[in-house]
C-alpha atoms as a PDB file:
ATOM      1  CA  ASP A   1      16.517 -51.620 -21.584  1.00  0.00           C
ATOM      2  CA  GLU A   2      15.903 -48.304 -23.338  1.00  0.00           C
ATOM      3  CA  LEU A   3      18.967 -48.770 -25.538  1.00  0.00           C
ATOM      4  CA  LEU A   4      17.837 -52.282 -26.458  1.00  0.00           C
ATOM      5  CA  ASP A   5      14.361 -51.039 -27.350  1.00  0.00           C
ATOM      6  CA  LEU A   6      15.787 -48.208 -29.440  1.00  0.00           C
ATOM      7  CA  SER A   7      18.192 -50.514 -31.279  1.00  0.00           C
ATOM      8  CA  ASP A   8      15.372 -52.989 -32.013  1.00  0.00           C
ATOM      9  CA  ARG A   9      13.135 -50.258 -33.434  1.00  0.00           C
ATOM     10  CA  LEU A  10      15.915 -48.866 -35.616  1.00  0.00           C
ATOM     11  CA  LYS A  11      16.901 -52.326 -36.835  1.00  0.00           C
ATOM     12  CA  GLN A  12      13.315 -53.094 -37.845  1.00  0.00           C
ATOM     13  CA  GLN A  13      12.882 -49.752 -39.613  1.00  0.00           C
ATOM     14  CA  HIS A  14      16.094 -50.092 -41.637  1.00  0.00           C
ATOM     15  CA  ALA A  15      16.514 -53.858 -42.120  1.00  0.00           C
ATOM     16  CA  PRO A  16      18.862 -55.299 -43.043  1.00  0.00           C
ATOM     17  CA  ALA A  17      20.875 -53.260 -40.603  1.00  0.00           C
ATOM     18  CA  ALA A  18      23.604 -53.183 -38.016  1.00  0.00           C
ATOM     19  CA  VAL A  19      22.630 -50.672 -35.323  1.00  0.00           C
ATOM     20  CA  VAL A  20      24.968 -49.248 -32.692  1.00  0.00           C
ATOM     21  CA  VAL A  21      23.593 -47.066 -29.898  1.00  0.00           C
ATOM     22  CA  GLY A  22      25.236 -45.846 -26.749  1.00  0.00           C
ATOM     23  CA  GLY A  23      24.550 -43.885 -23.647  1.00  0.00           C
ATOM     24  CA  ARG A  24      25.999 -42.780 -20.368  1.00  0.00           C
ATOM     25  CA  GLU A  25      24.476 -42.928 -16.924  1.00  0.00           C
ATOM     26  CA  ASP A  26      26.146 -42.242 -13.587  1.00  0.00           C
ATOM     27  CA  GLY A  27      29.535 -42.038 -15.317  1.00  0.00           C
ATOM     28  CA  ASN A  28      29.167 -45.474 -16.942  1.00  0.00           C
ATOM     29  CA  ALA A  29      28.980 -45.993 -20.679  1.00  0.00           C
ATOM     30  CA  SER A  30      26.733 -48.549 -22.340  1.00  0.00           C
ATOM     31  CA  LEU A  31      26.914 -49.750 -25.919  1.00  0.00           C
ATOM     32  CA  VAL A  32      24.404 -51.915 -27.745  1.00  0.00           C
ATOM     33  CA  LEU A  33      25.093 -53.456 -31.132  1.00  0.00           C
ATOM     34  CA  ASN A  34      22.117 -55.099 -32.785  1.00  0.00           C
ATOM     35  CA  PHE A  35      22.456 -57.065 -36.050  1.00  0.00           C
ATOM     36  CA  ASP A  36      19.749 -58.179 -38.413  1.00  0.00           C
ATOM     37  CA  ASN A  37      19.659 -62.000 -38.674  1.00  0.00           C
ATOM     38  CA  SER A  38      20.800 -61.794 -42.287  1.00  0.00           C
ATOM     39  CA  LEU A  39      24.111 -60.318 -41.131  1.00  0.00           C
ATOM     40  CA  GLU A  40      24.725 -63.253 -38.813  1.00  0.00           C
ATOM     41  CA  GLN A  41      24.090 -65.548 -41.789  1.00  0.00           C
ATOM     42  CA  ARG A  42      26.866 -63.668 -43.614  1.00  0.00           C
ATOM     43  CA  GLY A  43      29.279 -64.582 -40.825  1.00  0.00           C
ATOM     44  CA  LEU A  44      29.186 -61.368 -38.773  1.00  0.00           C
ATOM     45  CA  ASN A  45      29.077 -61.695 -34.997  1.00  0.00           C
ATOM     46  CA  ALA A  46      27.777 -58.765 -32.934  1.00  0.00           C
ATOM     47  CA  GLY A  47      29.254 -60.180 -29.712  1.00  0.00           C
ATOM     48  CA  ALA A  48      32.756 -60.196 -31.183  1.00  0.00           C
ATOM     49  CA  VAL A  49      32.380 -56.706 -32.658  1.00  0.00           C
ATOM     50  CA  ILE A  50      31.054 -55.134 -29.444  1.00  0.00           C
ATOM     51  CA  LYS A  51      33.837 -56.766 -27.415  1.00  0.00           C
ATOM     52  CA  GLU A  52      36.407 -54.892 -29.497  1.00  0.00           C
ATOM     53  CA  ALA A  53      34.429 -51.634 -29.467  1.00  0.00           C
ATOM     54  CA  ALA A  54      33.933 -51.781 -25.693  1.00  0.00           C
ATOM     55  CA  ALA A  55      37.650 -52.291 -25.161  1.00  0.00           C
ATOM     56  CA  LEU A  56      38.222 -48.851 -26.714  1.00  0.00           C
ATOM     57  CA  ILE A  57      36.301 -47.252 -23.834  1.00  0.00           C
ATOM     58  CA  GLY A  58      37.711 -49.497 -21.097  1.00  0.00           C
ATOM     59  CA  GLY A  59      34.860 -51.989 -20.994  1.00  0.00           C
ATOM     60  CA  GLY A  60      34.105 -55.602 -21.715  1.00  0.00           C
ATOM     61  CA  GLY A  61      31.607 -57.051 -24.053  1.00  0.00           C
ATOM     62  CA  GLY A  62      30.251 -60.115 -25.660  1.00  0.00           C
ATOM     63  CA  GLY A  63      26.836 -61.539 -26.186  1.00  0.00           C
ATOM     64  CA  ARG A  64      24.785 -63.254 -28.803  1.00  0.00           C
ATOM     65  CA  PRO A  65      25.777 -63.307 -32.472  1.00  0.00           C
ATOM     66  CA  THR A  66      22.997 -60.822 -33.287  1.00  0.00           C
ATOM     67  CA  MET A  67      23.174 -58.606 -30.190  1.00  0.00           C
END
C-alpha cells in the first residue's frame, strides 16, 4: 500500500508520467508501475510492462492498463 501511495503522489506531481517504484520486505521484492491515463490513451499498458520487468527479478506481474 505504501508503494501505491507513493507512486500515486509522484504521478500527480509530475503528470503526465510513468512512475516505477520498488521495495523489498522479508526477502521479497515488490514493483509498482503507475501510468497517467494519457499514456494508456497512447496505447501503453502498465500491466504488460510490469509483467516483463517482474520477470527480470523472478516474479510475475500484470494488472490494469494504468497500474
